[in-house]
Full PDB file with SEQRES, HELIX, SHEET, SSBOND, CRYST1, ORIGX, SCALE, CONECT and MASTER records, all heavy atoms in Angstrom:
SEQRES   1 A   43  GLY LEU THR PRO GLN SER ALA VAL GLN LEU GLY GLY TYR          
SEQRES   2 A   43  ARG VAL GLN GLY ARG GLU GLN GLU ALA ALA ASP ARG ILE          
SEQRES   3 A   43  ALA ALA ASP ALA GLU ALA LEU ALA GLU ALA GLY VAL PHE          
SEQRES   4 A   43  SER LEU VAL LEU                                              
HELIX    1 AA1 PRO A    4  SER A    6  5                                   3    
HELIX    2 AA2 ALA A    7  LEU A   10  1                                   4    
HELIX    3 AA3 GLN A   20  ALA A   36  1                                  17    
CRYST1    1.000    1.000    1.000  90.00  90.00  90.00 P 1           1          
ORIGX1      1.000000  0.000000  0.000000        0.00000                         
ORIGX2      0.000000  1.000000  0.000000        0.00000                         
ORIGX3      0.000000  0.000000  1.000000        0.00000                         
SCALE1      1.000000  0.000000  0.000000        0.00000                         
SCALE2      0.000000  1.000000  0.000000        0.00000                         
SCALE3      0.000000  0.000000  1.000000        0.00000                         
ATOM      1  N   GLY A   1     -59.841 -17.798  41.046  1.00  0.00           N  
ATOM      2  CA  GLY A   1     -58.830 -18.689  41.728  1.00  0.00           C  
ATOM      3  C   GLY A   1     -57.842 -17.760  42.411  1.00  0.00           C  
ATOM      4  O   GLY A   1     -58.232 -16.822  43.232  1.00  0.00           O  
ATOM      5  N   LEU A   2     -56.587 -18.074  42.266  1.00  0.00           N  
ATOM      6  CA  LEU A   2     -55.551 -17.206  42.698  1.00  0.00           C  
ATOM      7  C   LEU A   2     -55.530 -15.950  41.787  1.00  0.00           C  
ATOM      8  O   LEU A   2     -55.176 -16.043  40.659  1.00  0.00           O  
ATOM      9  CB  LEU A   2     -54.165 -17.931  42.687  1.00  0.00           C  
ATOM     10  CG  LEU A   2     -52.976 -17.025  43.036  1.00  0.00           C  
ATOM     11  CD1 LEU A   2     -53.100 -16.322  44.376  1.00  0.00           C  
ATOM     12  CD2 LEU A   2     -51.668 -17.810  42.916  1.00  0.00           C  
ATOM     13  N   THR A   3     -55.917 -14.861  42.371  1.00  0.00           N  
ATOM     14  CA  THR A   3     -55.905 -13.572  41.627  1.00  0.00           C  
ATOM     15  C   THR A   3     -54.763 -12.756  42.186  1.00  0.00           C  
ATOM     16  O   THR A   3     -54.824 -12.134  43.304  1.00  0.00           O  
ATOM     17  CB  THR A   3     -57.271 -12.901  41.762  1.00  0.00           C  
ATOM     18  OG1 THR A   3     -57.630 -12.864  43.166  1.00  0.00           O  
ATOM     19  CG2 THR A   3     -58.313 -13.557  40.928  1.00  0.00           C  
ATOM     20  N   PRO A   4     -53.611 -12.614  41.391  1.00  0.00           N  
ATOM     21  CA  PRO A   4     -52.427 -12.042  41.972  1.00  0.00           C  
ATOM     22  C   PRO A   4     -52.604 -10.645  42.411  1.00  0.00           C  
ATOM     23  O   PRO A   4     -51.923 -10.204  43.447  1.00  0.00           O  
ATOM     24  CB  PRO A   4     -51.470 -12.018  40.656  1.00  0.00           C  
ATOM     25  CG  PRO A   4     -51.913 -13.257  40.053  1.00  0.00           C  
ATOM     26  CD  PRO A   4     -53.414 -13.246  40.040  1.00  0.00           C  
ATOM     27  N   GLN A   5     -53.513  -9.824  41.835  1.00  0.00           N  
ATOM     28  CA  GLN A   5     -53.719  -8.446  42.382  1.00  0.00           C  
ATOM     29  C   GLN A   5     -54.211  -8.395  43.794  1.00  0.00           C  
ATOM     30  O   GLN A   5     -54.090  -7.408  44.442  1.00  0.00           O  
ATOM     31  CB  GLN A   5     -54.616  -7.628  41.389  1.00  0.00           C  
ATOM     32  CG  GLN A   5     -53.984  -7.414  39.948  1.00  0.00           C  
ATOM     33  CD  GLN A   5     -54.958  -6.701  39.027  1.00  0.00           C  
ATOM     34  OE1 GLN A   5     -56.037  -6.220  39.531  1.00  0.00           O  
ATOM     35  NE2 GLN A   5     -54.626  -6.608  37.854  1.00  0.00           N  
ATOM     36  N   SER A   6     -54.906  -9.435  44.256  1.00  0.00           N  
ATOM     37  CA  SER A   6     -55.445  -9.500  45.555  1.00  0.00           C  
ATOM     38  C   SER A   6     -54.822 -10.635  46.389  1.00  0.00           C  
ATOM     39  O   SER A   6     -55.407 -11.225  47.317  1.00  0.00           O  
ATOM     40  CB  SER A   6     -56.944  -9.574  45.533  1.00  0.00           C  
ATOM     41  OG  SER A   6     -57.336 -10.748  44.692  1.00  0.00           O  
ATOM     42  N   ALA A   7     -53.557 -10.994  45.997  1.00  0.00           N  
ATOM     43  CA  ALA A   7     -52.905 -12.121  46.613  1.00  0.00           C  
ATOM     44  C   ALA A   7     -52.811 -11.939  48.154  1.00  0.00           C  
ATOM     45  O   ALA A   7     -52.882 -12.930  48.930  1.00  0.00           O  
ATOM     46  CB  ALA A   7     -51.520 -12.418  46.033  1.00  0.00           C  
ATOM     47  N   VAL A   8     -52.459 -10.758  48.587  1.00  0.00           N  
ATOM     48  CA  VAL A   8     -52.359 -10.505  50.081  1.00  0.00           C  
ATOM     49  C   VAL A   8     -53.678 -10.812  50.795  1.00  0.00           C  
ATOM     50  O   VAL A   8     -53.689 -11.460  51.908  1.00  0.00           O  
ATOM     51  CB  VAL A   8     -51.963  -9.072  50.353  1.00  0.00           C  
ATOM     52  CG1 VAL A   8     -51.997  -8.716  51.810  1.00  0.00           C  
ATOM     53  CG2 VAL A   8     -50.548  -8.764  49.768  1.00  0.00           C  
ATOM     54  N   GLN A   9     -54.786 -10.404  50.229  1.00  0.00           N  
ATOM     55  CA  GLN A   9     -56.130 -10.713  50.850  1.00  0.00           C  
ATOM     56  C   GLN A   9     -56.374 -12.192  50.831  1.00  0.00           C  
ATOM     57  O   GLN A   9     -57.093 -12.682  51.701  1.00  0.00           O  
ATOM     58  CB  GLN A   9     -57.162  -9.966  50.038  1.00  0.00           C  
ATOM     59  CG  GLN A   9     -58.533  -9.942  50.673  1.00  0.00           C  
ATOM     60  CD  GLN A   9     -59.541  -9.131  49.870  1.00  0.00           C  
ATOM     61  OE1 GLN A   9     -59.518  -9.092  48.596  1.00  0.00           O  
ATOM     62  NE2 GLN A   9     -60.429  -8.446  50.559  1.00  0.00           N  
ATOM     63  N   LEU A  10     -55.841 -12.911  49.861  1.00  0.00           N  
ATOM     64  CA  LEU A  10     -56.085 -14.385  49.775  1.00  0.00           C  
ATOM     65  C   LEU A  10     -55.106 -15.129  50.706  1.00  0.00           C  
ATOM     66  O   LEU A  10     -55.232 -16.350  50.617  1.00  0.00           O  
ATOM     67  CB  LEU A  10     -55.934 -14.775  48.321  1.00  0.00           C  
ATOM     68  CG  LEU A  10     -56.973 -14.168  47.333  1.00  0.00           C  
ATOM     69  CD1 LEU A  10     -56.629 -14.620  45.873  1.00  0.00           C  
ATOM     70  CD2 LEU A  10     -58.332 -14.642  47.647  1.00  0.00           C  
ATOM     71  N   GLY A  11     -54.220 -14.479  51.311  1.00  0.00           N  
ATOM     72  CA  GLY A  11     -53.290 -15.234  52.173  1.00  0.00           C  
ATOM     73  C   GLY A  11     -51.992 -15.566  51.465  1.00  0.00           C  
ATOM     74  O   GLY A  11     -51.277 -16.444  51.978  1.00  0.00           O  
ATOM     75  N   GLY A  12     -51.716 -14.907  50.351  1.00  0.00           N  
ATOM     76  CA  GLY A  12     -50.483 -15.220  49.662  1.00  0.00           C  
ATOM     77  C   GLY A  12     -50.690 -15.916  48.371  1.00  0.00           C  
ATOM     78  O   GLY A  12     -51.869 -16.241  47.984  1.00  0.00           O  
ATOM     79  N   TYR A  13     -49.636 -16.414  47.712  1.00  0.00           N  
ATOM     80  CA  TYR A  13     -49.717 -17.182  46.477  1.00  0.00           C  
ATOM     81  C   TYR A  13     -49.969 -18.599  46.732  1.00  0.00           C  
ATOM     82  O   TYR A  13     -49.025 -19.413  46.910  1.00  0.00           O  
ATOM     83  CB  TYR A  13     -48.501 -16.969  45.650  1.00  0.00           C  
ATOM     84  CG  TYR A  13     -48.250 -15.454  45.164  1.00  0.00           C  
ATOM     85  CD1 TYR A  13     -47.579 -14.568  45.942  1.00  0.00           C  
ATOM     86  CD2 TYR A  13     -48.859 -15.105  43.942  1.00  0.00           C  
ATOM     87  CE1 TYR A  13     -47.446 -13.259  45.502  1.00  0.00           C  
ATOM     88  CE2 TYR A  13     -48.736 -13.769  43.481  1.00  0.00           C  
ATOM     89  CZ  TYR A  13     -47.996 -12.894  44.300  1.00  0.00           C  
ATOM     90  OH  TYR A  13     -47.876 -11.522  43.901  1.00  0.00           O  
ATOM     91  N   ARG A  14     -51.232 -18.990  47.053  1.00  0.00           N  
ATOM     92  CA  ARG A  14     -51.550 -20.320  47.393  1.00  0.00           C  
ATOM     93  C   ARG A  14     -52.781 -20.875  46.653  1.00  0.00           C  
ATOM     94  O   ARG A  14     -53.566 -20.063  46.104  1.00  0.00           O  
ATOM     95  CB  ARG A  14     -51.783 -20.426  48.940  1.00  0.00           C  
ATOM     96  CG  ARG A  14     -52.767 -19.385  49.370  1.00  0.00           C  
ATOM     97  CD  ARG A  14     -52.718 -19.252  50.966  1.00  0.00           C  
ATOM     98  NE  ARG A  14     -53.203 -20.357  51.646  1.00  0.00           N  
ATOM     99  CZ  ARG A  14     -54.451 -20.583  51.973  1.00  0.00           C  
ATOM    100  NH1 ARG A  14     -55.421 -19.577  51.754  1.00  0.00           N  
ATOM    101  NH2 ARG A  14     -54.861 -21.609  52.615  1.00  0.00           N  
ATOM    102  N   VAL A  15     -52.961 -22.111  46.586  1.00  0.00           N  
ATOM    103  CA  VAL A  15     -54.077 -22.740  45.958  1.00  0.00           C  
ATOM    104  C   VAL A  15     -55.353 -22.274  46.605  1.00  0.00           C  
ATOM    105  O   VAL A  15     -55.481 -22.238  47.847  1.00  0.00           O  
ATOM    106  CB  VAL A  15     -53.893 -24.269  46.029  1.00  0.00           C  
ATOM    107  CG1 VAL A  15     -55.256 -24.927  45.379  1.00  0.00           C  
ATOM    108  CG2 VAL A  15     -52.726 -24.736  45.358  1.00  0.00           C  
ATOM    109  N   GLN A  16     -56.386 -22.025  45.714  1.00  0.00           N  
ATOM    110  CA  GLN A  16     -57.725 -21.596  46.237  1.00  0.00           C  
ATOM    111  C   GLN A  16     -58.746 -22.604  45.904  1.00  0.00           C  
ATOM    112  O   GLN A  16     -58.723 -23.297  44.910  1.00  0.00           O  
ATOM    113  CB  GLN A  16     -58.082 -20.212  45.450  1.00  0.00           C  
ATOM    114  CG  GLN A  16     -57.057 -19.131  45.648  1.00  0.00           C  
ATOM    115  CD  GLN A  16     -56.971 -18.649  47.127  1.00  0.00           C  
ATOM    116  OE1 GLN A  16     -57.976 -18.378  47.711  1.00  0.00           O  
ATOM    117  NE2 GLN A  16     -55.776 -18.531  47.658  1.00  0.00           N  
ATOM    118  N   GLY A  17     -59.766 -22.636  46.735  1.00  0.00           N  
ATOM    119  CA  GLY A  17     -60.873 -23.618  46.480  1.00  0.00           C  
ATOM    120  C   GLY A  17     -60.686 -24.971  46.917  1.00  0.00           C  
ATOM    121  O   GLY A  17     -61.384 -25.888  46.434  1.00  0.00           O  
ATOM    122  N   ARG A  18     -59.823 -25.198  47.977  1.00  0.00           N  
ATOM    123  CA  ARG A  18     -59.671 -26.578  48.429  1.00  0.00           C  
ATOM    124  C   ARG A  18     -60.833 -27.020  49.352  1.00  0.00           C  
ATOM    125  O   ARG A  18     -61.193 -28.120  49.334  1.00  0.00           O  
ATOM    126  CB  ARG A  18     -58.351 -26.701  49.182  1.00  0.00           C  
ATOM    127  CG  ARG A  18     -57.142 -26.854  48.297  1.00  0.00           C  
ATOM    128  CD  ARG A  18     -55.878 -27.099  49.019  1.00  0.00           C  
ATOM    129  NE  ARG A  18     -54.884 -27.721  48.170  1.00  0.00           N  
ATOM    130  CZ  ARG A  18     -53.571 -27.427  48.262  1.00  0.00           C  
ATOM    131  NH1 ARG A  18     -53.118 -26.609  49.200  1.00  0.00           N  
ATOM    132  NH2 ARG A  18     -52.664 -28.054  47.503  1.00  0.00           N  
ATOM    133  N   GLU A  19     -61.337 -26.028  50.111  1.00  0.00           N  
ATOM    134  CA  GLU A  19     -62.463 -26.391  50.986  1.00  0.00           C  
ATOM    135  C   GLU A  19     -63.762 -26.251  50.160  1.00  0.00           C  
ATOM    136  O   GLU A  19     -63.813 -25.491  49.183  1.00  0.00           O  
ATOM    137  CB  GLU A  19     -62.530 -25.415  52.186  1.00  0.00           C  
ATOM    138  CG  GLU A  19     -61.397 -25.551  53.120  1.00  0.00           C  
ATOM    139  CD  GLU A  19     -60.103 -24.840  52.587  1.00  0.00           C  
ATOM    140  OE1 GLU A  19     -60.224 -24.028  51.733  1.00  0.00           O  
ATOM    141  OE2 GLU A  19     -58.981 -25.330  52.983  1.00  0.00           O  
ATOM    142  N   GLN A  20     -64.751 -27.020  50.535  1.00  0.00           N  
ATOM    143  CA  GLN A  20     -66.027 -27.101  49.718  1.00  0.00           C  
ATOM    144  C   GLN A  20     -66.672 -25.784  49.608  1.00  0.00           C  
ATOM    145  O   GLN A  20     -67.115 -25.373  48.563  1.00  0.00           O  
ATOM    146  CB  GLN A  20     -67.024 -28.070  50.419  1.00  0.00           C  
ATOM    147  CG  GLN A  20     -68.235 -28.320  49.555  1.00  0.00           C  
ATOM    148  CD  GLN A  20     -67.896 -29.040  48.241  1.00  0.00           C  
ATOM    149  OE1 GLN A  20     -67.094 -29.973  48.151  1.00  0.00           O  
ATOM    150  NE2 GLN A  20     -68.384 -28.541  47.115  1.00  0.00           N  
ATOM    151  N   GLU A  21     -66.728 -24.979  50.676  1.00  0.00           N  
ATOM    152  CA  GLU A  21     -67.384 -23.698  50.681  1.00  0.00           C  
ATOM    153  C   GLU A  21     -66.721 -22.741  49.700  1.00  0.00           C  
ATOM    154  O   GLU A  21     -67.241 -22.065  48.864  1.00  0.00           O  
ATOM    155  CB  GLU A  21     -67.385 -23.062  52.023  1.00  0.00           C  
ATOM    156  CG  GLU A  21     -68.074 -21.661  52.124  1.00  0.00           C  
ATOM    157  CD  GLU A  21     -68.086 -21.097  53.500  1.00  0.00           C  
ATOM    158  OE1 GLU A  21     -67.711 -21.818  54.425  1.00  0.00           O  
ATOM    159  OE2 GLU A  21     -68.481 -19.938  53.671  1.00  0.00           O  
ATOM    160  N   ALA A  22     -65.372 -22.732  49.693  1.00  0.00           N  
ATOM    161  CA  ALA A  22     -64.522 -21.943  48.837  1.00  0.00           C  
ATOM    162  C   ALA A  22     -64.639 -22.325  47.376  1.00  0.00           C  
ATOM    163  O   ALA A  22     -64.778 -21.573  46.490  1.00  0.00           O  
ATOM    164  CB  ALA A  22     -63.063 -21.889  49.200  1.00  0.00           C  
ATOM    165  N   ALA A  23     -64.765 -23.751  47.133  1.00  0.00           N  
ATOM    166  CA  ALA A  23     -64.904 -24.177  45.833  1.00  0.00           C  
ATOM    167  C   ALA A  23     -66.303 -23.823  45.257  1.00  0.00           C  
ATOM    168  O   ALA A  23     -66.416 -23.399  44.102  1.00  0.00           O  
ATOM    169  CB  ALA A  23     -64.849 -25.754  45.841  1.00  0.00           C  
ATOM    170  N   ASP A  24     -67.332 -23.904  46.124  1.00  0.00           N  
ATOM    171  CA  ASP A  24     -68.662 -23.547  45.604  1.00  0.00           C  
ATOM    172  C   ASP A  24     -68.676 -22.003  45.250  1.00  0.00           C  
ATOM    173  O   ASP A  24     -69.418 -21.593  44.368  1.00  0.00           O  
ATOM    174  CB  ASP A  24     -69.703 -23.841  46.755  1.00  0.00           C  
ATOM    175  CG  ASP A  24     -69.941 -25.362  46.868  1.00  0.00           C  
ATOM    176  OD1 ASP A  24     -69.579 -26.076  46.069  1.00  0.00           O  
ATOM    177  OD2 ASP A  24     -70.501 -25.667  47.932  1.00  0.00           O  
ATOM    178  N   ARG A  25     -68.021 -21.214  46.128  1.00  0.00           N  
ATOM    179  CA  ARG A  25     -67.941 -19.751  45.858  1.00  0.00           C  
ATOM    180  C   ARG A  25     -67.307 -19.507  44.525  1.00  0.00           C  
ATOM    181  O   ARG A  25     -67.739 -18.671  43.713  1.00  0.00           O  
ATOM    182  CB  ARG A  25     -67.235 -19.066  47.011  1.00  0.00           C  
ATOM    183  CG  ARG A  25     -67.219 -17.575  46.802  1.00  0.00           C  
ATOM    184  CD  ARG A  25     -66.650 -16.844  48.087  1.00  0.00           C  
ATOM    185  NE  ARG A  25     -65.277 -17.289  48.356  1.00  0.00           N  
ATOM    186  CZ  ARG A  25     -64.904 -18.007  49.344  1.00  0.00           C  
ATOM    187  NH1 ARG A  25     -65.870 -18.562  50.212  1.00  0.00           N  
ATOM    188  NH2 ARG A  25     -63.631 -18.280  49.518  1.00  0.00           N  
ATOM    189  N   ILE A  26     -66.163 -20.144  44.205  1.00  0.00           N  
ATOM    190  CA  ILE A  26     -65.538 -19.978  42.925  1.00  0.00           C  
ATOM    191  C   ILE A  26     -66.349 -20.366  41.752  1.00  0.00           C  
ATOM    192  O   ILE A  26     -66.375 -19.724  40.713  1.00  0.00           O  
ATOM    193  CB  ILE A  26     -64.161 -20.629  42.954  1.00  0.00           C  
ATOM    194  CG1 ILE A  26     -63.231 -19.933  43.947  1.00  0.00           C  
ATOM    195  CG2 ILE A  26     -63.499 -20.598  41.570  1.00  0.00           C  
ATOM    196  CD1 ILE A  26     -61.900 -20.645  44.172  1.00  0.00           C  
ATOM    197  N   ALA A  27     -67.020 -21.532  41.936  1.00  0.00           N  
ATOM    198  CA  ALA A  27     -67.959 -21.977  40.843  1.00  0.00           C  
ATOM    199  C   ALA A  27     -69.093 -21.035  40.634  1.00  0.00           C  
ATOM    200  O   ALA A  27     -69.360 -20.788  39.446  1.00  0.00           O  
ATOM    201  CB  ALA A  27     -68.456 -23.381  41.236  1.00  0.00           C  
ATOM    202  N   ALA A  28     -69.642 -20.482  41.654  1.00  0.00           N  
ATOM    203  CA  ALA A  28     -70.732 -19.455  41.589  1.00  0.00           C  
ATOM    204  C   ALA A  28     -70.197 -18.192  40.898  1.00  0.00           C  
ATOM    205  O   ALA A  28     -70.865 -17.581  40.013  1.00  0.00           O  
ATOM    206  CB  ALA A  28     -71.341 -19.167  42.848  1.00  0.00           C  
ATOM    207  N   ASP A  29     -68.962 -17.806  41.202  1.00  0.00           N  
ATOM    208  CA  ASP A  29     -68.290 -16.658  40.632  1.00  0.00           C  
ATOM    209  C   ASP A  29     -68.234 -16.918  39.075  1.00  0.00           C  
ATOM    210  O   ASP A  29     -68.391 -16.038  38.239  1.00  0.00           O  
ATOM    211  CB  ASP A  29     -67.020 -16.415  41.187  1.00  0.00           C  
ATOM    212  CG  ASP A  29     -67.093 -15.721  42.550  1.00  0.00           C  
ATOM    213  OD1 ASP A  29     -68.155 -15.104  42.838  1.00  0.00           O  
ATOM    214  OD2 ASP A  29     -66.046 -15.783  43.228  1.00  0.00           O  
ATOM    215  N   ALA A  30     -67.767 -18.123  38.683  1.00  0.00           N  
ATOM    216  CA  ALA A  30     -67.599 -18.470  37.336  1.00  0.00           C  
ATOM    217  C   ALA A  30     -68.869 -18.382  36.550  1.00  0.00           C  
ATOM    218  O   ALA A  30     -68.923 -17.747  35.428  1.00  0.00           O  
ATOM    219  CB  ALA A  30     -66.969 -19.858  37.175  1.00  0.00           C  
ATOM    220  N   GLU A  31     -69.970 -18.873  37.085  1.00  0.00           N  
ATOM    221  CA  GLU A  31     -71.293 -18.749  36.457  1.00  0.00           C  
ATOM    222  C   GLU A  31     -71.703 -17.298  36.255  1.00  0.00           C  
ATOM    223  O   GLU A  31     -72.252 -16.910  35.254  1.00  0.00           O  
ATOM    224  CB  GLU A  31     -72.267 -19.485  37.281  1.00  0.00           C  
ATOM    225  CG  GLU A  31     -72.087 -20.994  37.373  1.00  0.00           C  
ATOM    226  CD  GLU A  31     -72.666 -21.732  36.107  1.00  0.00           C  
ATOM    227  OE1 GLU A  31     -73.113 -21.070  35.181  1.00  0.00           O  
ATOM    228  OE2 GLU A  31     -72.573 -23.025  36.145  1.00  0.00           O  
ATOM    229  N   ALA A  32     -71.462 -16.489  37.315  1.00  0.00           N  
ATOM    230  CA  ALA A  32     -71.814 -15.060  37.257  1.00  0.00           C  
ATOM    231  C   ALA A  32     -71.026 -14.336  36.141  1.00  0.00           C  
ATOM    232  O   ALA A  32     -71.606 -13.508  35.457  1.00  0.00           O  
ATOM    233  CB  ALA A  32     -71.566 -14.459  38.606  1.00  0.00           C  
ATOM    234  N   LEU A  33     -69.796 -14.623  36.050  1.00  0.00           N  
ATOM    235  CA  LEU A  33     -68.970 -13.964  34.987  1.00  0.00           C  
ATOM    236  C   LEU A  33     -69.380 -14.369  33.591  1.00  0.00           C  
ATOM    237  O   LEU A  33     -69.448 -13.563  32.683  1.00  0.00           O  
ATOM    238  CB  LEU A  33     -67.514 -14.298  35.256  1.00  0.00           C  
ATOM    239  CG  LEU A  33     -66.813 -13.677  36.429  1.00  0.00           C  
ATOM    240  CD1 LEU A  33     -65.403 -14.107  36.655  1.00  0.00           C  
ATOM    241  CD2 LEU A  33     -66.811 -12.078  36.400  1.00  0.00           C  
ATOM    242  N   ALA A  34     -69.710 -15.771  33.513  1.00  0.00           N  
ATOM    243  CA  ALA A  34     -70.151 -16.119  32.185  1.00  0.00           C  
ATOM    244  C   ALA A  34     -71.455 -15.454  31.681  1.00  0.00           C  
ATOM    245  O   ALA A  34     -71.660 -15.067  30.670  1.00  0.00           O  
ATOM    246  CB  ALA A  34     -70.292 -17.661  32.139  1.00  0.00           C  
ATOM    247  N   GLU A  35     -72.342 -15.351  32.728  1.00  0.00           N  
ATOM    248  CA  GLU A  35     -73.681 -14.688  32.515  1.00  0.00           C  
ATOM    249  C   GLU A  35     -73.400 -13.202  32.203  1.00  0.00           C  
ATOM    250  O   GLU A  35     -74.220 -12.620  31.353  1.00  0.00           O  
ATOM    251  CB  GLU A  35     -74.527 -14.865  33.708  1.00  0.00           C  
ATOM    252  CG  GLU A  35     -75.964 -14.311  33.579  1.00  0.00           C  
ATOM    253  CD  GLU A  35     -76.840 -14.513  34.756  1.00  0.00           C  
ATOM    254  OE1 GLU A  35     -76.500 -15.496  35.487  1.00  0.00           O  
ATOM    255  OE2 GLU A  35     -77.885 -13.772  34.938  1.00  0.00           O  
ATOM    256  N   ALA A  36     -72.386 -12.596  32.818  1.00  0.00           N  
ATOM    257  CA  ALA A  36     -72.095 -11.229  32.463  1.00  0.00           C  
ATOM    258  C   ALA A  36     -71.468 -10.951  31.149  1.00  0.00           C  
ATOM    259  O   ALA A  36     -71.480  -9.803  30.638  1.00  0.00           O  
ATOM    260  CB  ALA A  36     -71.164 -10.618  33.574  1.00  0.00           C  
ATOM    261  N   GLY A  37     -71.009 -12.037  30.493  1.00  0.00           N  
ATOM    262  CA  GLY A  37     -70.536 -11.896  29.113  1.00  0.00           C  
ATOM    263  C   GLY A  37     -69.075 -12.101  28.833  1.00  0.00           C  
ATOM    264  O   GLY A  37     -68.560 -11.855  27.696  1.00  0.00           O  
ATOM    265  N   VAL A  38     -68.303 -12.733  29.829  1.00  0.00           N  
ATOM    266  CA  VAL A  38     -66.913 -13.008  29.426  1.00  0.00           C  
ATOM    267  C   VAL A  38     -66.866 -14.029  28.265  1.00  0.00           C  
ATOM    268  O   VAL A  38     -67.739 -14.942  28.176  1.00  0.00           O  
ATOM    269  CB  VAL A  38     -66.142 -13.622  30.680  1.00  0.00           C  
ATOM    270  CG1 VAL A  38     -66.097 -12.564  31.760  1.00  0.00           C  
ATOM    271  CG2 VAL A  38     -66.761 -14.884  31.201  1.00  0.00           C  
ATOM    272  N   PHE A  39     -65.859 -13.922  27.463  1.00  0.00           N  
ATOM    273  CA  PHE A  39     -65.690 -14.845  26.341  1.00  0.00           C  
ATOM    274  C   PHE A  39     -64.789 -16.056  26.731  1.00  0.00           C  
ATOM    275  O   PHE A  39     -64.807 -17.039  26.059  1.00  0.00           O  
ATOM    276  CB  PHE A  39     -65.063 -14.109  25.113  1.00  0.00           C  
ATOM    277  CG  PHE A  39     -63.664 -13.876  25.217  1.00  0.00           C  
ATOM    278  CD1 PHE A  39     -62.710 -14.813  24.747  1.00  0.00           C  
ATOM    279  CD2 PHE A  39     -63.196 -12.644  25.707  1.00  0.00           C  
ATOM    280  CE1 PHE A  39     -61.305 -14.520  24.929  1.00  0.00           C  
ATOM    281  CE2 PHE A  39     -61.845 -12.339  25.796  1.00  0.00           C  
ATOM    282  CZ  PHE A  39     -60.928 -13.335  25.418  1.00  0.00           C  
ATOM    283  N   SER A  40     -64.118 -15.969  27.900  1.00  0.00           N  
ATOM    284  CA  SER A  40     -63.277 -16.964  28.452  1.00  0.00           C  
ATOM    285  C   SER A  40     -62.959 -16.726  29.835  1.00  0.00           C  
ATOM    286  O   SER A  40     -63.164 -15.577  30.322  1.00  0.00           O  
ATOM    287  CB  SER A  40     -61.964 -17.041  27.518  1.00  0.00           C  
ATOM    288  OG  SER A  40     -61.138 -18.068  27.958  1.00  0.00           O  
ATOM    289  N   LEU A  41     -62.381 -17.657  30.529  1.00  0.00           N  
ATOM    290  CA  LEU A  41     -62.175 -17.547  31.937  1.00  0.00           C  
ATOM    291  C   LEU A  41     -60.908 -18.227  32.341  1.00  0.00           C  
ATOM    292  O   LEU A  41     -60.727 -19.455  32.063  1.00  0.00           O  
ATOM    293  CB  LEU A  41     -63.316 -18.147  32.785  1.00  0.00           C  
ATOM    294  CG  LEU A  41     -63.235 -18.068  34.261  1.00  0.00           C  
ATOM    295  CD1 LEU A  41     -63.255 -16.639  34.760  1.00  0.00           C  
ATOM    296  CD2 LEU A  41     -64.455 -18.841  34.897  1.00  0.00           C  
ATOM    297  N   VAL A  42     -59.972 -17.465  32.919  1.00  0.00           N  
ATOM    298  CA  VAL A  42     -58.670 -18.088  33.472  1.00  0.00           C  
ATOM    299  C   VAL A  42     -58.965 -18.632  34.833  1.00  0.00           C  
ATOM    300  O   VAL A  42     -59.603 -17.930  35.641  1.00  0.00           O  
ATOM    301  CB  VAL A  42     -57.483 -17.034  33.477  1.00  0.00           C  
ATOM    302  CG1 VAL A  42     -56.369 -17.625  34.317  1.00  0.00           C  
ATOM    303  CG2 VAL A  42     -57.126 -16.560  32.120  1.00  0.00           C  
ATOM    304  N   LEU A  43     -58.571 -19.841  35.080  1.00  0.00           N  
ATOM    305  CA  LEU A  43     -58.554 -20.478  36.412  1.00  0.00           C  
ATOM    306  C   LEU A  43     -57.124 -20.764  36.865  1.00  0.00           C  
ATOM    307  O   LEU A  43     -56.450 -21.514  36.238  1.00  0.00           O  
ATOM    308  CB  LEU A  43     -59.381 -21.804  36.278  1.00  0.00           C  
ATOM    309  CG  LEU A  43     -60.849 -21.735  35.941  1.00  0.00           C  
ATOM    310  CD1 LEU A  43     -61.466 -23.122  35.733  1.00  0.00           C  
ATOM    311  CD2 LEU A  43     -61.658 -20.937  36.941  1.00  0.00           C  
TER     312      LEU A  43                                                      
MASTER        0    0    0    3    0    0    0    6  311    1    0    4          
END                                                                             
């Protein structure tokens, strides 16, 4: 979602995933991280 270390690249401290394409991308990222072995995920 909003990842503060890359906030400038994201356009500042703003809500992420409001558009469908962005939401789908974040959902796919979440699945990939879970498959990679994270024990939990901050959104």
